[in-house]
C-alpha cells in the first residue's frame, strides 16, 4: 500500500510503514508541510495514497471516497509510543484497508 503521512505525525512513521513493506512519504519530504488540507488531500488522491492523519478536517475533504483515510485518534506521543500504539492495532488496520475500506478510524 501507499501512504501519505500528514504534518501532525512524525516523519519516523514513514520508516515504520516502510519496514512493513509499504510505500510511505511524509508531507515534509514533498514540500507540503505548510500546504492547505485541500492540497494535501489532492496529493493523496493523485498519488493513490491512503492519507494518515490526526486531523479531523480530512473526514469531510475525503468525501465521496477521494482517497482512503487512516484517522489516528491518539494523543501526542513519542515516536516509540506511537509505534507501540500502532503495532497493537496494525493487523486490523491493514486488513480493513486491504478489504477496500476507505475510512479507518483508529482509537
N, C-alpha and C. Protein backbone atom coordinates (compact mmCIF):
# COMPACT_ATOMS: atom_id res chain seq x y z
N UNK A 1 0.84 -1.19 0.00
CA UNK A 1 0.00 0.00 0.00
C UNK A 1 0.88 1.24 0.00
N UNK A 2 0.28 2.32 -0.42
CA UNK A 2 0.96 3.61 -0.47
C UNK A 2 0.31 4.53 0.56
N UNK A 3 1.13 5.23 1.34
CA UNK A 3 0.64 6.12 2.38
C UNK A 3 1.26 7.51 2.24
N UNK A 4 0.45 8.53 2.53
CA UNK A 4 0.91 9.91 2.65
C UNK A 4 0.67 10.30 4.10
N UNK A 5 1.74 10.63 4.81
CA UNK A 5 1.66 10.94 6.24
C UNK A 5 1.60 12.46 6.42
N UNK A 6 0.60 12.90 7.16
CA UNK A 6 0.34 14.33 7.37
C UNK A 6 1.29 14.93 8.40
N UNK A 7 1.27 16.26 8.48
CA UNK A 7 2.22 17.03 9.27
C UNK A 7 2.16 16.79 10.77
N UNK A 8 0.99 16.44 11.32
CA UNK A 8 0.91 16.26 12.78
C UNK A 8 1.58 14.98 13.24
N UNK A 9 1.96 14.16 12.32
CA UNK A 9 2.60 12.89 12.65
C UNK A 9 4.08 12.95 12.27
N UNK A 10 4.91 12.22 12.99
CA UNK A 10 6.36 12.31 12.75
C UNK A 10 6.79 11.63 11.45
N UNK A 11 7.81 12.18 10.80
CA UNK A 11 8.37 11.52 9.62
C UNK A 11 8.82 10.09 9.91
N UNK A 12 9.16 9.80 11.15
CA UNK A 12 9.58 8.44 11.52
C UNK A 12 8.48 7.42 11.25
N UNK A 13 7.23 7.86 11.21
CA UNK A 13 6.14 6.94 10.90
C UNK A 13 6.30 6.35 9.50
N UNK A 14 6.87 7.12 8.59
CA UNK A 14 7.12 6.60 7.24
C UNK A 14 8.08 5.42 7.29
N UNK A 15 9.11 5.53 8.10
CA UNK A 15 10.04 4.42 8.26
C UNK A 15 9.36 3.20 8.83
N UNK A 16 8.48 3.41 9.79
CA UNK A 16 7.73 2.31 10.41
C UNK A 16 6.88 1.61 9.35
N UNK A 17 6.22 2.39 8.52
CA UNK A 17 5.39 1.81 7.46
C UNK A 17 6.23 1.09 6.41
N UNK A 18 7.37 1.67 6.06
CA UNK A 18 8.26 1.03 5.08
C UNK A 18 8.78 -0.31 5.59
N UNK A 19 9.07 -0.38 6.88
CA UNK A 19 9.53 -1.63 7.48
C UNK A 19 8.49 -2.73 7.32
N UNK A 20 7.25 -2.36 7.14
CA UNK A 20 6.17 -3.32 6.98
C UNK A 20 5.83 -3.54 5.50
N UNK A 21 6.69 -3.07 4.62
CA UNK A 21 6.54 -3.35 3.20
C UNK A 21 5.71 -2.36 2.40
N UNK A 22 5.42 -1.21 2.98
CA UNK A 22 4.58 -0.22 2.31
C UNK A 22 5.41 0.94 1.78
N UNK A 23 4.87 1.64 0.81
CA UNK A 23 5.44 2.91 0.36
C UNK A 23 4.87 3.99 1.28
N UNK A 24 5.72 4.89 1.73
CA UNK A 24 5.24 5.96 2.60
C UNK A 24 6.09 7.20 2.39
N UNK A 25 5.40 8.34 2.36
CA UNK A 25 6.09 9.62 2.23
C UNK A 25 5.42 10.61 3.18
N UNK A 26 6.22 11.45 3.80
CA UNK A 26 5.72 12.47 4.72
C UNK A 26 5.53 13.77 3.92
N UNK A 27 4.55 14.57 4.29
CA UNK A 27 4.30 15.82 3.58
C UNK A 27 5.55 16.71 3.55
N UNK A 28 6.38 16.62 4.57
CA UNK A 28 7.63 17.39 4.62
C UNK A 28 8.55 17.03 3.46
N UNK A 29 8.60 15.74 3.13
CA UNK A 29 9.50 15.24 2.08
C UNK A 29 9.13 15.76 0.69
N UNK A 30 7.88 16.13 0.50
CA UNK A 30 7.42 16.55 -0.83
C UNK A 30 6.98 18.02 -0.86
N UNK A 31 7.45 18.77 0.12
CA UNK A 31 7.21 20.21 0.12
C UNK A 31 5.81 20.64 0.47
N UNK A 32 5.07 19.79 1.18
CA UNK A 32 3.68 20.13 1.53
C UNK A 32 3.48 20.36 3.03
N UNK A 33 4.57 20.60 3.76
CA UNK A 33 4.45 20.75 5.21
C UNK A 33 3.51 21.89 5.58
N UNK A 34 3.56 22.99 4.87
CA UNK A 34 2.70 24.14 5.17
C UNK A 34 1.51 24.24 4.22
N UNK A 35 1.26 23.20 3.47
CA UNK A 35 0.18 23.22 2.48
C UNK A 35 -1.19 23.15 3.15
N UNK A 36 -2.19 23.59 2.42
CA UNK A 36 -3.57 23.51 2.91
C UNK A 36 -4.01 22.05 2.95
N UNK A 37 -5.03 21.81 3.75
CA UNK A 37 -5.60 20.45 3.80
C UNK A 37 -6.06 20.02 2.42
N UNK A 38 -6.64 20.94 1.66
CA UNK A 38 -7.13 20.60 0.32
C UNK A 38 -5.98 20.18 -0.59
N UNK A 39 -4.85 20.86 -0.50
CA UNK A 39 -3.69 20.50 -1.33
C UNK A 39 -3.16 19.12 -0.95
N UNK A 40 -3.16 18.83 0.34
CA UNK A 40 -2.70 17.52 0.80
C UNK A 40 -3.68 16.44 0.36
N UNK A 41 -4.97 16.73 0.48
CA UNK A 41 -5.99 15.77 0.03
C UNK A 41 -5.86 15.50 -1.46
N UNK A 42 -5.62 16.56 -2.24
CA UNK A 42 -5.47 16.39 -3.69
C UNK A 42 -4.25 15.53 -4.00
N UNK A 43 -3.19 15.70 -3.25
CA UNK A 43 -1.98 14.89 -3.48
C UNK A 43 -2.25 13.42 -3.16
N UNK A 44 -2.95 13.15 -2.07
CA UNK A 44 -3.30 11.76 -1.73
C UNK A 44 -4.12 11.14 -2.86
N UNK A 45 -5.08 11.91 -3.36
CA UNK A 45 -5.94 11.42 -4.44
C UNK A 45 -5.12 11.16 -5.71
N UNK A 46 -4.28 12.10 -6.09
CA UNK A 46 -3.46 11.96 -7.29
C UNK A 46 -2.51 10.78 -7.20
N UNK A 47 -1.91 10.59 -6.02
CA UNK A 47 -0.92 9.52 -5.83
C UNK A 47 -1.55 8.16 -5.55
N UNK A 48 -2.86 8.13 -5.34
CA UNK A 48 -3.50 6.87 -4.97
C UNK A 48 -3.04 6.38 -3.61
N UNK A 49 -2.78 7.34 -2.73
CA UNK A 49 -2.26 7.02 -1.40
C UNK A 49 -3.35 7.13 -0.34
N UNK A 50 -3.22 6.32 0.68
CA UNK A 50 -4.06 6.47 1.86
C UNK A 50 -3.43 7.58 2.69
N UNK A 51 -4.22 8.55 3.09
CA UNK A 51 -3.72 9.64 3.92
C UNK A 51 -3.79 9.22 5.38
N UNK A 52 -2.69 9.41 6.10
CA UNK A 52 -2.62 9.09 7.52
C UNK A 52 -2.52 10.42 8.26
N UNK A 53 -3.49 10.70 9.13
CA UNK A 53 -3.53 11.99 9.80
C UNK A 53 -4.26 11.89 11.13
N UNK A 54 -4.04 12.92 11.95
CA UNK A 54 -4.81 13.10 13.18
C UNK A 54 -5.84 14.22 12.99
N UNK A 55 -5.89 14.82 11.82
CA UNK A 55 -6.69 16.00 11.52
C UNK A 55 -8.11 15.62 11.09
N UNK A 56 -9.08 16.01 11.90
CA UNK A 56 -10.48 15.69 11.63
C UNK A 56 -11.01 16.35 10.35
N UNK A 57 -10.39 17.43 9.91
CA UNK A 57 -10.85 18.12 8.70
C UNK A 57 -10.86 17.21 7.48
N UNK A 58 -10.00 16.22 7.45
CA UNK A 58 -9.94 15.33 6.30
C UNK A 58 -11.15 14.40 6.21
N UNK A 59 -11.90 14.27 7.29
CA UNK A 59 -13.11 13.44 7.25
C UNK A 59 -14.06 13.98 6.18
N UNK A 60 -14.22 15.29 6.10
CA UNK A 60 -15.11 15.87 5.09
C UNK A 60 -14.42 16.05 3.74
N UNK A 61 -13.12 16.32 3.74
CA UNK A 61 -12.41 16.53 2.47
C UNK A 61 -12.32 15.26 1.63
N UNK A 62 -12.43 14.10 2.25
CA UNK A 62 -12.26 12.86 1.50
C UNK A 62 -13.56 12.42 0.83
N UNK A 63 -14.66 13.06 1.16
CA UNK A 63 -15.93 12.64 0.59
C UNK A 63 -16.05 13.10 -0.85
N UNK A 64 -16.65 12.35 -1.74
CA UNK A 64 -17.01 10.94 -1.57
C UNK A 64 -15.86 10.03 -1.99
N UNK A 65 -15.21 9.49 -1.05
CA UNK A 65 -14.15 8.49 -1.26
C UNK A 65 -13.07 8.93 -2.24
N UNK A 66 -12.59 10.14 -2.08
CA UNK A 66 -11.50 10.62 -2.95
C UNK A 66 -10.22 9.83 -2.72
N UNK A 67 -10.02 9.41 -1.49
CA UNK A 67 -8.83 8.66 -1.12
C UNK A 67 -9.13 7.93 0.18
N UNK A 68 -8.36 6.92 0.48
CA UNK A 68 -8.51 6.22 1.76
C UNK A 68 -7.94 7.13 2.86
N UNK A 69 -8.58 7.09 4.01
CA UNK A 69 -8.16 7.95 5.12
C UNK A 69 -8.00 7.12 6.38
N UNK A 70 -6.81 7.14 6.93
CA UNK A 70 -6.50 6.47 8.19
C UNK A 70 -6.40 7.56 9.25
N UNK A 71 -7.46 7.66 10.06
CA UNK A 71 -7.59 8.73 11.03
C UNK A 71 -7.11 8.22 12.38
N UNK A 72 -5.95 8.67 12.81
CA UNK A 72 -5.38 8.23 14.08
C UNK A 72 -5.91 9.12 15.20
N UNK A 73 -6.62 8.52 16.13
CA UNK A 73 -7.25 9.25 17.23
C UNK A 73 -6.45 9.03 18.51
N UNK A 74 -5.18 9.31 18.45
CA UNK A 74 -4.31 9.17 19.62
C UNK A 74 -3.83 10.56 20.03
N UNK A 75 -3.45 10.68 21.25
CA UNK A 75 -2.91 11.96 21.70
C UNK A 75 -1.47 12.11 21.26
N UNK A 76 -0.84 13.15 21.75
CA UNK A 76 0.58 13.34 21.45
C UNK A 76 1.37 12.19 22.06
N UNK A 77 2.33 11.70 21.31
CA UNK A 77 3.11 10.56 21.77
C UNK A 77 4.50 10.62 21.16
N UNK A 78 5.44 10.04 21.86
CA UNK A 78 6.79 9.92 21.30
C UNK A 78 6.74 8.97 20.11
N UNK A 79 7.79 8.97 19.32
CA UNK A 79 7.85 8.05 18.18
C UNK A 79 7.70 6.60 18.65
N UNK A 80 8.37 6.25 19.74
CA UNK A 80 8.31 4.88 20.25
C UNK A 80 6.90 4.54 20.73
N UNK A 81 6.26 5.47 21.43
CA UNK A 81 4.91 5.21 21.93
C UNK A 81 3.92 5.10 20.77
N UNK A 82 4.08 5.93 19.75
CA UNK A 82 3.20 5.85 18.58
C UNK A 82 3.37 4.51 17.88
N UNK A 83 4.61 4.07 17.73
CA UNK A 83 4.88 2.78 17.09
C UNK A 83 4.25 1.64 17.88
N UNK A 84 4.35 1.68 19.19
CA UNK A 84 3.76 0.64 20.04
C UNK A 84 2.24 0.66 19.91
N UNK A 85 1.65 1.84 19.93
CA UNK A 85 0.20 2.00 19.82
C UNK A 85 -0.29 1.45 18.48
N UNK A 86 0.41 1.79 17.40
CA UNK A 86 0.02 1.31 16.07
C UNK A 86 0.23 -0.19 15.91
N UNK A 87 1.34 -0.68 16.44
CA UNK A 87 1.65 -2.11 16.31
C UNK A 87 0.52 -2.96 16.86
N UNK A 88 -0.06 -2.54 17.98
CA UNK A 88 -1.15 -3.29 18.61
C UNK A 88 -2.41 -3.30 17.75
N UNK A 89 -2.53 -2.38 16.82
CA UNK A 89 -3.74 -2.23 16.01
C UNK A 89 -3.51 -2.52 14.53
N UNK A 90 -2.25 -2.69 14.14
CA UNK A 90 -1.91 -2.71 12.72
C UNK A 90 -2.54 -3.85 11.94
N UNK A 91 -2.59 -5.03 12.49
CA UNK A 91 -3.15 -6.16 11.75
C UNK A 91 -4.58 -5.86 11.31
N UNK A 92 -5.37 -5.30 12.19
CA UNK A 92 -6.76 -4.96 11.88
C UNK A 92 -6.83 -3.81 10.87
N UNK A 93 -6.00 -2.79 11.06
CA UNK A 93 -5.97 -1.66 10.13
C UNK A 93 -5.64 -2.14 8.72
N UNK A 94 -4.60 -2.93 8.62
CA UNK A 94 -4.16 -3.44 7.32
C UNK A 94 -5.24 -4.29 6.66
N UNK A 95 -5.90 -5.12 7.45
CA UNK A 95 -6.97 -5.97 6.91
C UNK A 95 -8.11 -5.12 6.36
N UNK A 96 -8.49 -4.08 7.07
CA UNK A 96 -9.56 -3.20 6.61
C UNK A 96 -9.18 -2.49 5.31
N UNK A 97 -7.97 -1.98 5.24
CA UNK A 97 -7.53 -1.29 4.02
C UNK A 97 -7.43 -2.26 2.84
N UNK A 98 -6.91 -3.46 3.08
CA UNK A 98 -6.83 -4.46 2.01
C UNK A 98 -8.22 -4.87 1.52
N UNK A 99 -9.20 -4.83 2.42
CA UNK A 99 -10.57 -5.20 2.06
C UNK A 99 -11.29 -4.07 1.32
N UNK A 100 -10.61 -2.93 1.16
CA UNK A 100 -11.21 -1.83 0.42
C UNK A 100 -11.85 -0.75 1.26
N UNK A 101 -11.73 -0.85 2.57
CA UNK A 101 -12.28 0.18 3.45
C UNK A 101 -11.58 1.50 3.14
N UNK A 102 -12.36 2.56 2.98
CA UNK A 102 -11.80 3.86 2.61
C UNK A 102 -11.70 4.82 3.79
N UNK A 103 -12.30 4.47 4.92
CA UNK A 103 -12.24 5.31 6.11
C UNK A 103 -11.99 4.41 7.31
N UNK A 104 -10.84 4.56 7.92
CA UNK A 104 -10.49 3.74 9.08
C UNK A 104 -10.16 4.69 10.23
N UNK A 105 -11.01 4.67 11.24
CA UNK A 105 -10.78 5.47 12.45
C UNK A 105 -10.12 4.56 13.48
N UNK A 106 -8.97 4.99 13.96
CA UNK A 106 -8.19 4.16 14.88
C UNK A 106 -8.15 4.83 16.24
N UNK A 107 -8.65 4.11 17.25
CA UNK A 107 -8.65 4.62 18.63
C UNK A 107 -7.78 3.75 19.49
